[in-house]
Amino acid sequence: MKQILETKRLTIRELNSDDAEFILKLVNTPTWLKFIGDRGVKNLDDAKKYIENGPVKSYADNGFGLYLMELKNGKVPIGMCGLIKRDFLQDPDIGFALLPEHEGKGYGYESASAVLSYGQKKLGLTKIVAITVKENVNSIHLLEKIGLHEEGTVVYPGTNEELLLFGVEFNGQEK
């Protein structure tokens, strides 16, 4: 497993099939299901396929993806944070999710800030965007806190779901 980043309290690393149990738990939390949606991950085999066909494929195809967030103290997995290249968005978007028991402790801000800086400084990205449903006020607050600004809306392909679109351009400036 390749470590990508380290923050004060977190290690951010690539996901692998050994993380299937954690992914099964995360993608079936009420918050994930409400704001991100059901990904059809109902057992460990589904979770392994989700990891292989999502994050691991993205690492190979794009050089980035969703990463596992774990507490440095005890290597406890608590969430995911990373960059996703979606076909319907021009720029990579930042995404994050935490287990409910780890929300509200600053881990989202800590990981998202680090991933945003990584995208700019290490990957050379000039713009990073994010999408979220209007009802996800915690996510909107976090996006604004890390420096993204609302740019409008976008409709998720194959649905009528209108999502808020946020973005930040770096223009060669250090973050």
N, C-alpha and C. Protein backbone atom coordinates (compact mmCIF):
# COMPACT_ATOMS: atom_id res chain seq x y z
N MET A 1 0.84 -1.18 0.00
CA MET A 1 0.00 0.00 0.00
C MET A 1 0.88 1.24 0.00
N LYS A 2 0.61 2.11 -0.93
CA LYS A 2 1.44 3.29 -1.13
C LYS A 2 0.88 4.47 -0.33
N GLN A 3 1.72 5.02 0.53
CA GLN A 3 1.34 6.21 1.27
C GLN A 3 1.45 7.41 0.35
N ILE A 4 0.43 8.26 0.37
CA ILE A 4 0.39 9.46 -0.47
C ILE A 4 0.74 10.70 0.34
N LEU A 5 0.12 10.83 1.51
CA LEU A 5 0.29 12.02 2.34
C LEU A 5 0.31 11.66 3.81
N GLU A 6 0.84 12.58 4.58
CA GLU A 6 0.79 12.46 6.02
C GLU A 6 0.45 13.85 6.56
N THR A 7 -0.49 13.89 7.48
CA THR A 7 -0.85 15.14 8.13
C THR A 7 -0.54 14.99 9.62
N LYS A 8 -0.93 15.96 10.39
CA LYS A 8 -0.66 15.91 11.82
C LYS A 8 -1.21 14.64 12.46
N ARG A 9 -2.45 14.27 12.09
CA ARG A 9 -3.11 13.12 12.74
C ARG A 9 -3.40 11.96 11.81
N LEU A 10 -3.19 12.14 10.50
CA LEU A 10 -3.63 11.15 9.53
C LEU A 10 -2.53 10.66 8.61
N THR A 11 -2.70 9.42 8.16
CA THR A 11 -1.96 8.90 7.03
C THR A 11 -2.98 8.73 5.91
N ILE A 12 -2.63 9.19 4.73
CA ILE A 12 -3.52 9.08 3.57
C ILE A 12 -2.79 8.22 2.56
N ARG A 13 -3.41 7.07 2.24
CA ARG A 13 -2.72 6.08 1.40
C ARG A 13 -3.68 5.48 0.38
N GLU A 14 -3.09 4.79 -0.59
CA GLU A 14 -3.90 4.11 -1.59
C GLU A 14 -4.70 2.99 -0.94
N LEU A 15 -5.88 2.79 -1.48
CA LEU A 15 -6.72 1.67 -1.06
C LEU A 15 -6.27 0.40 -1.76
N ASN A 16 -6.52 -0.75 -1.12
CA ASN A 16 -6.28 -2.05 -1.76
C ASN A 16 -7.34 -3.02 -1.27
N SER A 17 -7.34 -4.23 -1.79
CA SER A 17 -8.40 -5.19 -1.47
C SER A 17 -8.46 -5.54 0.02
N ASP A 18 -7.37 -5.34 0.74
CA ASP A 18 -7.39 -5.59 2.19
C ASP A 18 -8.31 -4.61 2.93
N ASP A 19 -8.71 -3.54 2.27
CA ASP A 19 -9.57 -2.52 2.87
C ASP A 19 -11.05 -2.78 2.62
N ALA A 20 -11.38 -3.95 2.08
CA ALA A 20 -12.76 -4.25 1.70
C ALA A 20 -13.74 -4.16 2.86
N GLU A 21 -13.37 -4.64 4.02
CA GLU A 21 -14.28 -4.61 5.16
C GLU A 21 -14.62 -3.17 5.55
N PHE A 22 -13.60 -2.32 5.54
CA PHE A 22 -13.82 -0.90 5.85
C PHE A 22 -14.73 -0.26 4.79
N ILE A 23 -14.44 -0.51 3.52
CA ILE A 23 -15.24 0.09 2.44
C ILE A 23 -16.70 -0.36 2.52
N LEU A 24 -16.91 -1.63 2.81
CA LEU A 24 -18.27 -2.14 2.97
C LEU A 24 -19.02 -1.34 4.04
N LYS A 25 -18.35 -1.05 5.13
CA LYS A 25 -18.95 -0.28 6.21
C LYS A 25 -19.20 1.18 5.78
N LEU A 26 -18.19 1.82 5.19
CA LEU A 26 -18.28 3.24 4.84
C LEU A 26 -19.39 3.52 3.83
N VAL A 27 -19.43 2.75 2.75
CA VAL A 27 -20.38 3.06 1.67
C VAL A 27 -21.82 2.69 2.02
N ASN A 28 -22.01 2.09 3.17
CA ASN A 28 -23.36 1.76 3.62
C ASN A 28 -23.79 2.56 4.85
N THR A 29 -23.03 3.60 5.20
CA THR A 29 -23.44 4.46 6.31
C THR A 29 -24.62 5.31 5.83
N PRO A 30 -25.48 5.72 6.75
CA PRO A 30 -26.63 6.56 6.36
C PRO A 30 -26.22 7.84 5.63
N THR A 31 -25.14 8.47 6.04
CA THR A 31 -24.70 9.71 5.41
C THR A 31 -24.27 9.47 3.97
N TRP A 32 -23.49 8.41 3.74
CA TRP A 32 -23.05 8.07 2.38
C TRP A 32 -24.27 7.79 1.52
N LEU A 33 -25.17 6.95 1.98
CA LEU A 33 -26.34 6.58 1.19
C LEU A 33 -27.20 7.81 0.87
N LYS A 34 -27.33 8.72 1.82
CA LYS A 34 -28.16 9.91 1.63
C LYS A 34 -27.53 10.90 0.65
N PHE A 35 -26.24 11.18 0.82
CA PHE A 35 -25.61 12.25 0.06
C PHE A 35 -24.79 11.80 -1.15
N ILE A 36 -24.33 10.57 -1.16
CA ILE A 36 -23.51 10.08 -2.27
C ILE A 36 -24.29 9.07 -3.09
N GLY A 37 -24.98 8.16 -2.41
CA GLY A 37 -25.83 7.20 -3.12
C GLY A 37 -25.39 5.77 -2.92
N ASP A 38 -26.31 4.87 -3.18
CA ASP A 38 -26.07 3.44 -3.04
C ASP A 38 -25.19 2.96 -4.18
N ARG A 39 -24.06 2.42 -3.86
CA ARG A 39 -23.12 1.91 -4.87
C ARG A 39 -23.25 0.40 -5.07
N GLY A 40 -24.26 -0.20 -4.46
CA GLY A 40 -24.50 -1.63 -4.65
C GLY A 40 -23.46 -2.51 -4.00
N VAL A 41 -22.77 -1.99 -2.99
CA VAL A 41 -21.74 -2.75 -2.28
C VAL A 41 -22.41 -3.40 -1.07
N LYS A 42 -22.72 -4.70 -1.20
CA LYS A 42 -23.50 -5.39 -0.17
C LYS A 42 -22.73 -6.48 0.57
N ASN A 43 -21.52 -6.81 0.10
CA ASN A 43 -20.71 -7.84 0.75
C ASN A 43 -19.23 -7.57 0.46
N LEU A 44 -18.36 -8.39 1.02
CA LEU A 44 -16.91 -8.16 0.86
C LEU A 44 -16.46 -8.28 -0.60
N ASP A 45 -17.05 -9.20 -1.36
CA ASP A 45 -16.68 -9.31 -2.78
C ASP A 45 -17.05 -8.03 -3.53
N ASP A 46 -18.23 -7.49 -3.25
CA ASP A 46 -18.63 -6.22 -3.87
C ASP A 46 -17.66 -5.11 -3.48
N ALA A 47 -17.25 -5.08 -2.24
CA ALA A 47 -16.32 -4.05 -1.77
C ALA A 47 -14.97 -4.18 -2.47
N LYS A 48 -14.48 -5.39 -2.65
CA LYS A 48 -13.22 -5.60 -3.37
C LYS A 48 -13.33 -5.12 -4.81
N LYS A 49 -14.47 -5.43 -5.46
CA LYS A 49 -14.68 -4.97 -6.84
C LYS A 49 -14.77 -3.45 -6.90
N TYR A 50 -15.43 -2.84 -5.91
CA TYR A 50 -15.52 -1.38 -5.84
C TYR A 50 -14.12 -0.77 -5.77
N ILE A 51 -13.28 -1.32 -4.93
CA ILE A 51 -11.91 -0.82 -4.78
C ILE A 51 -11.13 -0.99 -6.08
N GLU A 52 -11.19 -2.18 -6.67
CA GLU A 52 -10.42 -2.47 -7.89
C GLU A 52 -10.90 -1.66 -9.09
N ASN A 53 -12.22 -1.55 -9.27
CA ASN A 53 -12.79 -0.87 -10.43
C ASN A 53 -12.88 0.64 -10.26
N GLY A 54 -12.72 1.12 -9.04
CA GLY A 54 -12.79 2.56 -8.75
C GLY A 54 -11.42 3.12 -8.45
N PRO A 55 -11.07 3.19 -7.16
CA PRO A 55 -9.78 3.81 -6.78
C PRO A 55 -8.55 3.19 -7.45
N VAL A 56 -8.40 1.87 -7.43
CA VAL A 56 -7.19 1.25 -7.99
C VAL A 56 -7.08 1.50 -9.49
N LYS A 57 -8.20 1.40 -10.20
CA LYS A 57 -8.20 1.70 -11.64
C LYS A 57 -7.84 3.16 -11.87
N SER A 58 -8.35 4.06 -11.03
CA SER A 58 -8.05 5.48 -11.17
C SER A 58 -6.57 5.78 -10.92
N TYR A 59 -5.95 5.09 -9.96
CA TYR A 59 -4.51 5.28 -9.72
C TYR A 59 -3.74 4.98 -11.01
N ALA A 60 -4.11 3.87 -11.66
CA ALA A 60 -3.42 3.45 -12.88
C ALA A 60 -3.72 4.39 -14.06
N ASP A 61 -5.00 4.76 -14.21
CA ASP A 61 -5.41 5.57 -15.36
C ASP A 61 -5.07 7.05 -15.22
N ASN A 62 -5.19 7.60 -14.01
CA ASN A 62 -5.08 9.04 -13.82
C ASN A 62 -3.90 9.49 -12.96
N GLY A 63 -3.31 8.56 -12.22
CA GLY A 63 -2.23 8.93 -11.31
C GLY A 63 -2.74 9.45 -9.98
N PHE A 64 -4.05 9.35 -9.75
CA PHE A 64 -4.67 9.76 -8.50
C PHE A 64 -6.01 9.05 -8.38
N GLY A 65 -6.62 9.17 -7.20
CA GLY A 65 -7.92 8.55 -6.97
C GLY A 65 -8.37 8.84 -5.55
N LEU A 66 -9.33 8.07 -5.10
CA LEU A 66 -9.76 8.18 -3.70
C LEU A 66 -8.79 7.40 -2.83
N TYR A 67 -8.42 7.98 -1.71
CA TYR A 67 -7.45 7.38 -0.80
C TYR A 67 -8.08 7.08 0.55
N LEU A 68 -7.50 6.14 1.24
CA LEU A 68 -7.93 5.81 2.59
C LEU A 68 -7.33 6.80 3.57
N MET A 69 -8.15 7.28 4.48
CA MET A 69 -7.69 8.11 5.59
C MET A 69 -7.62 7.20 6.80
N GLU A 70 -6.48 7.18 7.46
CA GLU A 70 -6.41 6.41 8.70
C GLU A 70 -5.68 7.22 9.76
N LEU A 71 -6.11 7.00 10.99
CA LEU A 71 -5.47 7.67 12.12
C LEU A 71 -4.05 7.14 12.25
N LYS A 72 -3.10 8.03 12.43
CA LYS A 72 -1.71 7.60 12.63
C LYS A 72 -1.62 6.73 13.87
N ASN A 73 -2.34 7.13 14.90
CA ASN A 73 -2.34 6.40 16.16
C ASN A 73 -3.21 5.15 16.02
N GLY A 74 -2.60 4.02 15.78
CA GLY A 74 -3.31 2.76 15.68
C GLY A 74 -3.71 2.33 14.29
N LYS A 75 -3.41 3.17 13.28
CA LYS A 75 -3.74 2.86 11.89
C LYS A 75 -5.22 2.48 11.72
N VAL A 76 -6.10 3.24 12.36
CA VAL A 76 -7.54 3.00 12.29
C VAL A 76 -8.11 3.70 11.07
N PRO A 77 -8.73 2.96 10.12
CA PRO A 77 -9.34 3.61 8.96
C PRO A 77 -10.59 4.39 9.38
N ILE A 78 -10.68 5.65 8.93
CA ILE A 78 -11.82 6.48 9.33
C ILE A 78 -12.59 7.07 8.16
N GLY A 79 -12.02 7.03 6.95
CA GLY A 79 -12.72 7.62 5.81
C GLY A 79 -11.91 7.56 4.54
N MET A 80 -12.43 8.25 3.53
CA MET A 80 -11.75 8.37 2.24
C MET A 80 -11.68 9.83 1.86
N CYS A 81 -10.64 10.18 1.14
CA CYS A 81 -10.52 11.52 0.58
C CYS A 81 -9.60 11.39 -0.62
N GLY A 82 -9.91 12.10 -1.69
CA GLY A 82 -9.03 12.04 -2.85
C GLY A 82 -9.61 12.78 -4.02
N LEU A 83 -9.02 12.53 -5.17
CA LEU A 83 -9.40 13.19 -6.41
C LEU A 83 -9.97 12.16 -7.38
N ILE A 84 -11.01 12.59 -8.09
CA ILE A 84 -11.71 11.71 -9.03
C ILE A 84 -11.79 12.42 -10.37
N LYS A 85 -11.53 11.69 -11.44
CA LYS A 85 -11.71 12.26 -12.79
C LYS A 85 -13.00 11.67 -13.35
N ARG A 86 -14.01 12.52 -13.42
CA ARG A 86 -15.31 12.10 -13.94
C ARG A 86 -15.44 12.54 -15.39
N ASP A 87 -16.05 11.70 -16.22
CA ASP A 87 -16.21 12.00 -17.64
C ASP A 87 -16.98 13.29 -17.89
N PHE A 88 -17.91 13.62 -17.02
CA PHE A 88 -18.77 14.78 -17.27
C PHE A 88 -18.24 16.08 -16.67
N LEU A 89 -17.09 16.03 -16.04
CA LEU A 89 -16.47 17.24 -15.50
C LEU A 89 -15.13 17.47 -16.20
N GLN A 90 -14.84 18.72 -16.51
CA GLN A 90 -13.60 19.04 -17.20
C GLN A 90 -12.37 18.82 -16.32
N ASP A 91 -12.53 19.08 -15.02
CA ASP A 91 -11.39 19.02 -14.10
C ASP A 91 -11.60 17.92 -13.06
N PRO A 92 -10.51 17.44 -12.45
CA PRO A 92 -10.65 16.47 -11.36
C PRO A 92 -11.44 17.08 -10.21
N ASP A 93 -12.22 16.24 -9.52
CA ASP A 93 -12.95 16.76 -8.38
C ASP A 93 -12.52 16.07 -7.11
N ILE A 94 -12.60 16.82 -6.03
CA ILE A 94 -12.21 16.32 -4.72
C ILE A 94 -13.45 15.72 -4.06
N GLY A 95 -13.23 14.58 -3.43
CA GLY A 95 -14.32 13.92 -2.71
C GLY A 95 -13.83 13.44 -1.36
N PHE A 96 -14.75 13.32 -0.43
CA PHE A 96 -14.39 12.88 0.91
C PHE A 96 -15.60 12.29 1.59
N ALA A 97 -15.35 11.36 2.50
CA ALA A 97 -16.41 10.74 3.30
C ALA A 97 -15.76 10.17 4.56
N LEU A 98 -16.47 10.30 5.66
CA LEU A 98 -15.98 9.80 6.94
C LEU A 98 -17.01 8.88 7.58
N LEU A 99 -16.53 7.94 8.36
CA LEU A 99 -17.45 7.17 9.19
C LEU A 99 -18.11 8.15 10.17
N PRO A 100 -19.38 7.96 10.48
CA PRO A 100 -20.09 8.91 11.35
C PRO A 100 -19.41 9.20 12.68
N GLU A 101 -18.79 8.21 13.27
CA GLU A 101 -18.16 8.43 14.58
C GLU A 101 -16.91 9.31 14.50
N HIS A 102 -16.44 9.62 13.29
CA HIS A 102 -15.26 10.46 13.12
C HIS A 102 -15.58 11.82 12.52
N GLU A 103 -16.85 12.09 12.29
CA GLU A 103 -17.26 13.39 11.75
C GLU A 103 -17.18 14.44 12.85
N GLY A 104 -16.99 15.70 12.43
CA GLY A 104 -16.99 16.81 13.37
C GLY A 104 -15.74 16.94 14.21
N LYS A 105 -14.66 16.29 13.81
CA LYS A 105 -13.41 16.33 14.58
C LYS A 105 -12.27 16.99 13.80
N GLY A 106 -12.61 17.54 12.63
CA GLY A 106 -11.60 18.22 11.82
C GLY A 106 -10.84 17.33 10.85
N TYR A 107 -11.15 16.04 10.81
CA TYR A 107 -10.43 15.13 9.91
C TYR A 107 -10.73 15.42 8.44
N GLY A 108 -11.97 15.80 8.15
CA GLY A 108 -12.34 16.13 6.78
C GLY A 108 -11.53 17.32 6.28
N TYR A 109 -11.45 18.36 7.10
CA TYR A 109 -10.68 19.54 6.73
C TYR A 109 -9.20 19.19 6.59
N GLU A 110 -8.68 18.44 7.53
CA GLU A 110 -7.26 18.08 7.52
C GLU A 110 -6.90 17.30 6.26
N SER A 111 -7.72 16.31 5.90
CA SER A 111 -7.42 15.49 4.73
C SER A 111 -7.69 16.24 3.43
N ALA A 112 -8.82 16.96 3.35
CA ALA A 112 -9.16 17.67 2.11
C ALA A 112 -8.15 18.78 1.81
N SER A 113 -7.68 19.49 2.83
CA SER A 113 -6.65 20.52 2.64
C SER A 113 -5.38 19.90 2.08
N ALA A 114 -4.98 18.78 2.64
CA ALA A 114 -3.76 18.10 2.20
C ALA A 114 -3.90 17.59 0.77
N VAL A 115 -5.06 17.01 0.44
CA VAL A 115 -5.29 16.49 -0.92
C VAL A 115 -5.33 17.63 -1.93
N LEU A 116 -5.94 18.74 -1.56
CA LEU A 116 -5.99 19.90 -2.46
C LEU A 116 -4.57 20.41 -2.76
N SER A 117 -3.76 20.53 -1.73
CA SER A 117 -2.38 20.96 -1.91
C SER A 117 -1.59 19.94 -2.75
N TYR A 118 -1.80 18.68 -2.49
CA TYR A 118 -1.16 17.60 -3.26
C TYR A 118 -1.52 17.71 -4.74
N GLY A 119 -2.79 17.94 -5.02
CA GLY A 119 -3.24 18.07 -6.40
C GLY A 119 -2.56 19.21 -7.12
N GLN A 120 -2.41 20.32 -6.42
CA GLN A 120 -1.77 21.48 -7.01
C GLN A 120 -0.25 21.30 -7.12
N LYS A 121 0.39 20.99 -6.01
CA LYS A 121 1.85 21.00 -5.95
C LYS A 121 2.51 19.75 -6.52
N LYS A 122 1.96 18.60 -6.26
CA LYS A 122 2.59 17.35 -6.72
C LYS A 122 2.08 16.89 -8.08
N LEU A 123 0.77 17.10 -8.32
CA LEU A 123 0.19 16.64 -9.59
C LEU A 123 0.16 17.74 -10.64
N GLY A 124 0.38 18.98 -10.23
CA GLY A 124 0.40 20.09 -11.17
C GLY A 124 -0.96 20.49 -11.71
N LEU A 125 -2.02 20.18 -10.99
CA LEU A 125 -3.35 20.53 -11.45
C LEU A 125 -3.55 22.04 -11.32
N THR A 126 -4.22 22.64 -12.28
CA THR A 126 -4.46 24.08 -12.25
C THR A 126 -5.86 24.42 -11.74
N LYS A 127 -6.74 23.40 -11.71
CA LYS A 127 -8.09 23.62 -11.18
C LYS A 127 -8.60 22.31 -10.59
N ILE A 128 -9.27 22.42 -9.47
CA ILE A 128 -9.94 21.28 -8.84
C ILE A 128 -11.36 21.72 -8.54
N VAL A 129 -12.30 20.83 -8.84
CA VAL A 129 -13.71 21.12 -8.60
C VAL A 129 -14.27 20.14 -7.59
N ALA A 130 -15.52 20.34 -7.25
CA ALA A 130 -16.24 19.42 -6.36
C ALA A 130 -17.72 19.52 -6.69
N ILE A 131 -18.42 18.43 -6.47
CA ILE A 131 -19.87 18.41 -6.66
C ILE A 131 -20.53 17.88 -5.39
N THR A 132 -21.70 18.41 -5.09
CA THR A 132 -22.45 17.93 -3.93
C THR A 132 -23.92 18.28 -4.10
N VAL A 133 -24.75 17.53 -3.41
CA VAL A 133 -26.17 17.87 -3.39
C VAL A 133 -26.37 19.10 -2.51
N LYS A 134 -27.40 19.87 -2.82
CA LYS A 134 -27.67 21.12 -2.10
C LYS A 134 -27.93 20.89 -0.61
N GLU A 135 -28.45 19.72 -0.27
CA GLU A 135 -28.79 19.42 1.12
C GLU A 135 -27.59 19.08 1.99
N ASN A 136 -26.45 18.83 1.38
CA ASN A 136 -25.28 18.42 2.14
C ASN A 136 -24.52 19.64 2.64
N VAL A 137 -25.09 20.29 3.64
CA VAL A 137 -24.52 21.55 4.15
C VAL A 137 -23.14 21.36 4.79
N ASN A 138 -22.89 20.21 5.40
CA ASN A 138 -21.56 19.97 5.98
C ASN A 138 -20.49 19.91 4.90
N SER A 139 -20.81 19.26 3.79
CA SER A 139 -19.87 19.17 2.68
C SER A 139 -19.64 20.55 2.06
N ILE A 140 -20.71 21.30 1.87
CA ILE A 140 -20.60 22.65 1.30
C ILE A 140 -19.71 23.51 2.19
N HIS A 141 -19.93 23.44 3.49
CA HIS A 141 -19.13 24.22 4.44
C HIS A 141 -17.65 23.85 4.33
N LEU A 142 -17.36 22.56 4.25
CA LEU A 142 -15.97 22.10 4.15
C LEU A 142 -15.34 22.57 2.83
N LEU A 143 -16.08 22.46 1.73
CA LEU A 143 -15.54 22.91 0.44
C LEU A 143 -15.19 24.40 0.48
N GLU A 144 -16.06 25.18 1.07
CA GLU A 144 -15.79 26.62 1.18
C GLU A 144 -14.60 26.88 2.12
N LYS A 145 -14.49 26.11 3.17
CA LYS A 145 -13.40 26.28 4.14
C LYS A 145 -12.03 25.98 3.52
N ILE A 146 -11.98 25.04 2.57
CA ILE A 146 -10.70 24.73 1.92
C ILE A 146 -10.44 25.61 0.70
N GLY A 147 -11.36 26.54 0.42
CA GLY A 147 -11.08 27.53 -0.63
C GLY A 147 -11.83 27.37 -1.93
N LEU A 148 -12.76 26.43 -2.03
CA LEU A 148 -13.54 26.30 -3.26
C LEU A 148 -14.73 27.25 -3.21
N HIS A 149 -15.13 27.72 -4.38
CA HIS A 149 -16.24 28.66 -4.49
C HIS A 149 -17.31 28.09 -5.40
N GLU A 150 -18.56 28.37 -5.08
CA GLU A 150 -19.66 27.87 -5.89
C GLU A 150 -19.59 28.49 -7.28
N GLU A 151 -19.69 27.62 -8.30
CA GLU A 151 -19.59 28.07 -9.69
C GLU A 151 -20.89 27.86 -10.46
N GLY A 152 -21.85 27.20 -9.85
CA GLY A 152 -23.10 26.94 -10.56
C GLY A 152 -23.60 25.55 -10.25
N THR A 153 -24.27 24.97 -11.23
CA THR A 153 -24.81 23.62 -11.05
C THR A 153 -24.45 22.76 -12.25
N VAL A 154 -24.57 21.47 -12.04
CA VAL A 154 -24.35 20.49 -13.09
C VAL A 154 -25.34 19.35 -12.85
N VAL A 155 -25.85 18.77 -13.92
CA VAL A 155 -26.76 17.64 -13.78
C VAL A 155 -25.95 16.35 -13.92
N TYR A 156 -26.12 15.46 -12.95
CA TYR A 156 -25.41 14.18 -12.99
C TYR A 156 -25.95 13.37 -14.16
N PRO A 157 -25.07 12.88 -15.05
CA PRO A 157 -25.52 12.16 -16.25
C PRO A 157 -26.43 10.97 -15.92
N GLY A 158 -27.45 10.82 -16.73
CA GLY A 158 -28.37 9.70 -16.57
C GLY A 158 -29.42 9.92 -15.49
N THR A 159 -29.40 11.11 -14.87
CA THR A 159 -30.37 11.43 -13.83
C THR A 159 -30.90 12.84 -14.07
N ASN A 160 -31.84 13.24 -13.27
CA ASN A 160 -32.30 14.64 -13.27
C ASN A 160 -31.72 15.38 -12.09
N GLU A 161 -30.76 14.74 -11.39
CA GLU A 161 -30.22 15.32 -10.16
C GLU A 161 -29.29 16.49 -10.45
N GLU A 162 -29.68 17.65 -9.95
CA GLU A 162 -28.87 18.84 -10.09
C GLU A 162 -27.95 18.97 -8.89
N LEU A 163 -26.66 19.07 -9.17
CA LEU A 163 -25.65 19.17 -8.11
C LEU A 163 -25.01 20.54 -8.14
N LEU A 164 -24.61 21.01 -6.98
CA LEU A 164 -23.83 22.24 -6.91
C LEU A 164 -22.41 21.95 -7.37
N LEU A 165 -21.85 22.86 -8.14
CA LEU A 165 -20.48 22.73 -8.62
C LEU A 165 -19.63 23.81 -7.96
N PHE A 166 -18.55 23.38 -7.34
CA PHE A 166 -17.60 24.28 -6.69
C PHE A 166 -16.26 24.14 -7.41
N GLY A 167 -15.40 25.15 -7.29
CA GLY A 167 -14.10 25.05 -7.92
C GLY A 167 -13.10 26.01 -7.33
N VAL A 168 -11.84 25.71 -7.58
CA VAL A 168 -10.74 26.60 -7.23
C VAL A 168 -9.68 26.46 -8.32
N GLU A 169 -9.21 27.63 -8.77
CA GLU A 169 -8.13 27.67 -9.77
C GLU A 169 -6.87 28.13 -9.06
N PHE A 170 -5.76 27.52 -9.44
CA PHE A 170 -4.51 27.83 -8.78
C PHE A 170 -3.67 28.86 -9.52
N ASN A 171 -3.76 28.92 -10.84
CA ASN A 171 -3.05 29.93 -11.64
C ASN A 171 -1.58 30.05 -11.27
N GLY A 172 -0.96 28.93 -10.99
CA GLY A 172 0.46 28.93 -10.67
C GLY A 172 0.83 29.46 -9.31
N GLN A 173 -0.17 29.82 -8.52
CA GLN A 173 0.10 30.35 -7.17
C GLN A 173 0.27 29.20 -6.19
N GLU A 174 1.08 29.41 -5.20
CA GLU A 174 1.22 28.43 -4.13
C GLU A 174 0.02 28.51 -3.21
N LYS A 175 -0.48 27.37 -2.79
CA LYS A 175 -1.60 27.36 -1.85
C LYS A 175 -1.06 27.31 -0.44
